[in-house]
């Protein structure tokens, strides 16, 4: 009985905070075959406390180090080094999951606050008028 309790109710997994926000990004990395710099634009799907899921037209390979810039109002909000941990090669929505390699504290404050501001602004623009009585 104790094992069942440990496996279900008493075992706590850490919850990771994610914010669903579609913010513009620029991603760049060095192509291993040609040695040339690849630079693409895209949008975020969500931002986590130590990760980002981004929609990019050209996907970097898994394990590649990618410089990620999150943009807001034509200026850089934050620029960090990331590593590709997973890709989804769906032609309609190619995604790359990135883990943040440096400046985690700055990422948690700057990027997460910017994503939350995006959500608030998006909600106000799209839904506020519908809910006013």
C-alpha atoms as a PDB file:
ATOM      1  CA  UNK A   1       0.000   0.000   0.000  1.00  0.00           C
ATOM      2  CA  UNK A   2       2.842   2.415   0.774  1.00  0.00           C
ATOM      3  CA  UNK A   3       4.305   1.885  -2.685  1.00  0.00           C
ATOM      4  CA  UNK A   4       1.019   2.790  -4.358  1.00  0.00           C
ATOM      5  CA  UNK A   5       0.767   5.940  -2.271  1.00  0.00           C
ATOM      6  CA  UNK A   6       4.350   6.886  -3.160  1.00  0.00           C
ATOM      7  CA  UNK A   7       3.669   6.315  -6.848  1.00  0.00           C
ATOM      8  CA  UNK A   8       0.518   8.413  -6.914  1.00  0.00           C
ATOM      9  CA  UNK A   9      -0.292  10.967  -4.274  1.00  0.00           C
ATOM     10  CA  UNK A  10       2.926  11.615  -2.384  1.00  0.00           C
ATOM     11  CA  UNK A  11       5.271  11.745  -5.418  1.00  0.00           C
ATOM     12  CA  UNK A  12       5.426  15.308  -6.638  1.00  0.00           C
ATOM     13  CA  UNK A  13       6.901  16.230  -9.980  1.00  0.00           C
ATOM     14  CA  UNK A  14       8.078  19.791 -10.460  1.00  0.00           C
ATOM     15  CA  UNK A  15       5.642  21.963 -12.359  1.00  0.00           C
ATOM     16  CA  UNK A  16       7.167  24.073 -15.088  1.00  0.00           C
ATOM     17  CA  UNK A  17       5.488  27.337 -15.893  1.00  0.00           C
ATOM     18  CA  UNK A  18       4.776  27.901 -19.615  1.00  0.00           C
ATOM     19  CA  UNK A  19       3.230  30.891 -21.318  1.00  0.00           C
ATOM     20  CA  UNK A  20       1.523  30.490 -24.687  1.00  0.00           C
ATOM     21  CA  UNK A  21       2.599  33.537 -26.680  1.00  0.00           C
ATOM     22  CA  UNK A  22       3.266  34.113 -30.383  1.00  0.00           C
ATOM     23  CA  UNK A  23       6.153  36.547 -30.318  1.00  0.00           C
ATOM     24  CA  UNK A  24       8.491  37.195 -33.267  1.00  0.00           C
ATOM     25  CA  UNK A  25      11.949  35.606 -33.079  1.00  0.00           C
ATOM     26  CA  UNK A  26      15.154  35.371 -35.046  1.00  0.00           C
ATOM     27  CA  UNK A  27      17.221  32.205 -34.820  1.00  0.00           C
ATOM     28  CA  UNK A  28      20.724  31.693 -36.172  1.00  0.00           C
ATOM     29  CA  UNK A  29      23.205  28.825 -36.170  1.00  0.00           C
ATOM     30  CA  UNK A  30      26.188  27.539 -38.118  1.00  0.00           C
ATOM     31  CA  UNK A  31      25.397  24.814 -40.676  1.00  0.00           C
ATOM     32  CA  UNK A  32      27.791  21.943 -39.952  1.00  0.00           C
ATOM     33  CA  UNK A  33      28.041  20.797 -43.589  1.00  0.00           C
ATOM     34  CA  UNK A  34      28.656  24.124 -45.317  1.00  0.00           C
ATOM     35  CA  UNK A  35      30.034  26.126 -42.380  1.00  0.00           C
ATOM     36  CA  UNK A  36      27.722  29.014 -43.318  1.00  0.00           C
ATOM     37  CA  UNK A  37      25.546  30.930 -40.906  1.00  0.00           C
ATOM     38  CA  UNK A  38      21.831  30.180 -41.202  1.00  0.00           C
ATOM     39  CA  UNK A  39      19.457  32.934 -40.072  1.00  0.00           C
ATOM     40  CA  UNK A  40      15.678  32.466 -40.002  1.00  0.00           C
ATOM     41  CA  UNK A  41      12.688  34.279 -38.578  1.00  0.00           C
ATOM     42  CA  UNK A  42       9.722  32.722 -36.848  1.00  0.00           C
ATOM     43  CA  UNK A  43       7.433  32.924 -33.839  1.00  0.00           C
ATOM     44  CA  UNK A  44       7.279  31.405 -30.398  1.00  0.00           C
ATOM     45  CA  UNK A  45       4.632  28.838 -29.585  1.00  0.00           C
ATOM     46  CA  UNK A  46       5.342  28.975 -25.868  1.00  0.00           C
ATOM     47  CA  UNK A  47       8.025  30.075 -23.436  1.00  0.00           C
ATOM     48  CA  UNK A  48       9.012  28.075 -20.389  1.00  0.00           C
ATOM     49  CA  UNK A  49      11.217  28.860 -17.419  1.00  0.00           C
ATOM     50  CA  UNK A  50      14.223  27.330 -19.167  1.00  0.00           C
ATOM     51  CA  UNK A  51      12.984  26.602 -22.688  1.00  0.00           C
ATOM     52  CA  UNK A  52      11.182  27.841 -25.761  1.00  0.00           C
ATOM     53  CA  UNK A  53       9.168  26.142 -28.472  1.00  0.00           C
ATOM     54  CA  UNK A  54       9.554  28.065 -31.731  1.00  0.00           C
ATOM     55  CA  UNK A  55       7.977  27.805 -35.161  1.00  0.00           C
ATOM     56  CA  UNK A  56      10.696  28.184 -37.837  1.00  0.00           C
ATOM     57  CA  UNK A  57      10.545  27.684 -41.610  1.00  0.00           C
ATOM     58  CA  UNK A  58      13.982  26.021 -41.595  1.00  0.00           C
ATOM     59  CA  UNK A  59      14.748  23.757 -38.650  1.00  0.00           C
ATOM     60  CA  UNK A  60      18.186  23.426 -37.089  1.00  0.00           C
ATOM     61  CA  UNK A  61      19.478  19.914 -36.376  1.00  0.00           C
ATOM     62  CA  UNK A  62      18.999  18.376 -32.931  1.00  0.00           C
ATOM     63  CA  UNK A  63      21.991  19.220 -30.745  1.00  0.00           C
ATOM     64  CA  UNK A  64      22.828  22.424 -32.626  1.00  0.00           C
ATOM     65  CA  UNK A  65      23.606  25.562 -30.662  1.00  0.00           C
ATOM     66  CA  UNK A  66      21.194  28.286 -31.748  1.00  0.00           C
ATOM     67  CA  UNK A  67      21.310  31.990 -30.928  1.00  0.00           C
ATOM     68  CA  UNK A  68      17.716  33.009 -30.211  1.00  0.00           C
ATOM     69  CA  UNK A  69      16.515  36.608 -30.276  1.00  0.00           C
ATOM     70  CA  UNK A  70      13.018  37.433 -29.080  1.00  0.00           C
ATOM     71  CA  UNK A  71      11.743  40.633 -30.636  1.00  0.00           C
ATOM     72  CA  UNK A  72       9.170  43.163 -29.560  1.00  0.00           C
ATOM     73  CA  UNK A  73       8.246  46.418 -31.312  1.00  0.00           C
ATOM     74  CA  UNK A  74      11.195  46.060 -33.725  1.00  0.00           C
ATOM     75  CA  UNK A  75      13.776  45.764 -30.950  1.00  0.00           C
ATOM     76  CA  UNK A  76      15.428  42.860 -29.194  1.00  0.00           C
ATOM     77  CA  UNK A  77      13.857  41.884 -25.874  1.00  0.00           C
ATOM     78  CA  UNK A  78      16.462  39.229 -25.099  1.00  0.00           C
ATOM     79  CA  UNK A  79      19.159  37.275 -26.915  1.00  0.00           C
ATOM     80  CA  UNK A  80      20.345  33.933 -25.519  1.00  0.00           C
ATOM     81  CA  UNK A  81      22.292  30.858 -26.531  1.00  0.00           C
ATOM     82  CA  UNK A  82      20.123  27.759 -26.769  1.00  0.00           C
ATOM     83  CA  UNK A  83      20.439  24.126 -27.771  1.00  0.00           C
ATOM     84  CA  UNK A  84      17.968  22.209 -29.930  1.00  0.00           C
ATOM     85  CA  UNK A  85      16.571  19.285 -27.934  1.00  0.00           C
ATOM     86  CA  UNK A  86      13.766  18.223 -30.293  1.00  0.00           C
ATOM     87  CA  UNK A  87      12.306  19.075 -33.694  1.00  0.00           C
ATOM     88  CA  UNK A  88       8.896  18.389 -35.206  1.00  0.00           C
ATOM     89  CA  UNK A  89       9.074  18.261 -38.987  1.00  0.00           C
ATOM     90  CA  UNK A  90       5.366  18.803 -39.654  1.00  0.00           C
ATOM     91  CA  UNK A  91       5.246  20.705 -42.997  1.00  0.00           C
ATOM     92  CA  UNK A  92       2.324  22.836 -41.813  1.00  0.00           C
ATOM     93  CA  UNK A  93       4.002  23.758 -38.521  1.00  0.00           C
ATOM     94  CA  UNK A  94       7.727  22.972 -38.185  1.00  0.00           C
ATOM     95  CA  UNK A  95       8.788  23.366 -34.544  1.00  0.00           C
ATOM     96  CA  UNK A  96      12.060  23.359 -32.646  1.00  0.00           C
ATOM     97  CA  UNK A  97      12.234  22.858 -28.878  1.00  0.00           C
ATOM     98  CA  UNK A  98      15.122  24.845 -27.428  1.00  0.00           C
ATOM     99  CA  UNK A  99      16.666  24.723 -23.976  1.00  0.00           C
ATOM    100  CA  UNK A 100      18.301  27.876 -22.625  1.00  0.00           C
ATOM    101  CA  UNK A 101      22.054  27.486 -22.037  1.00  0.00           C
ATOM    102  CA  UNK A 102      22.933  30.780 -20.339  1.00  0.00           C
ATOM    103  CA  UNK A 103      21.408  33.688 -18.422  1.00  0.00           C
ATOM    104  CA  UNK A 104      18.565  31.621 -16.957  1.00  0.00           C
ATOM    105  CA  UNK A 105      17.777  34.227 -14.322  1.00  0.00           C
ATOM    106  CA  UNK A 106      17.560  36.969 -16.962  1.00  0.00           C
ATOM    107  CA  UNK A 107      15.491  34.649 -19.179  1.00  0.00           C
ATOM    108  CA  UNK A 108      13.018  33.970 -16.382  1.00  0.00           C
ATOM    109  CA  UNK A 109      12.484  37.646 -15.728  1.00  0.00           C
ATOM    110  CA  UNK A 110      12.843  39.291 -19.140  1.00  0.00           C
ATOM    111  CA  UNK A 111      11.424  36.676 -21.522  1.00  0.00           C
ATOM    112  CA  UNK A 112       8.670  35.437 -19.237  1.00  0.00           C
ATOM    113  CA  UNK A 113       7.545  38.988 -18.410  1.00  0.00           C
ATOM    114  CA  UNK A 114       7.510  39.894 -22.116  1.00  0.00           C
ATOM    115  CA  UNK A 115       5.445  36.786 -22.891  1.00  0.00           C
ATOM    116  CA  UNK A 116       2.993  37.621 -20.118  1.00  0.00           C
ATOM    117  CA  UNK A 117       2.699  41.179 -21.443  1.00  0.00           C
ATOM    118  CA  UNK A 118       2.027  39.759 -24.933  1.00  0.00           C
ATOM    119  CA  UNK A 119      -0.768  37.556 -23.547  1.00  0.00           C
ATOM    120  CA  UNK A 120      -2.326  40.483 -21.691  1.00  0.00           C
ATOM    121  CA  UNK A 121      -2.148  42.748 -24.754  1.00  0.00           C
ATOM    122  CA  UNK A 122      -3.558  40.005 -27.004  1.00  0.00           C
ATOM    123  CA  UNK A 123      -6.429  39.379 -24.618  1.00  0.00           C
ATOM    124  CA  UNK A 124      -7.257  43.070 -24.412  1.00  0.00           C
ATOM    125  CA  UNK A 125      -7.195  43.523 -28.193  1.00  0.00           C
ATOM    126  CA  UNK A 126      -9.261  40.447 -29.028  1.00  0.00           C
ATOM    127  CA  UNK A 127     -11.617  39.762 -26.153  1.00  0.00           C
ATOM    128  CA  UNK A 128     -12.122  42.779 -23.939  1.00  0.00           C
ATOM    129  CA  UNK A 129     -14.936  44.301 -26.008  1.00  0.00           C
ATOM    130  CA  UNK A 130     -16.861  41.008 -26.142  1.00  0.00           C
ATOM    131  CA  UNK A 131     -16.958  40.654 -22.345  1.00  0.00           C
ATOM    132  CA  UNK A 132     -17.953  44.185 -21.435  1.00  0.00           C
ATOM    133  CA  UNK A 133     -21.589  44.347 -20.261  1.00  0.00           C
END
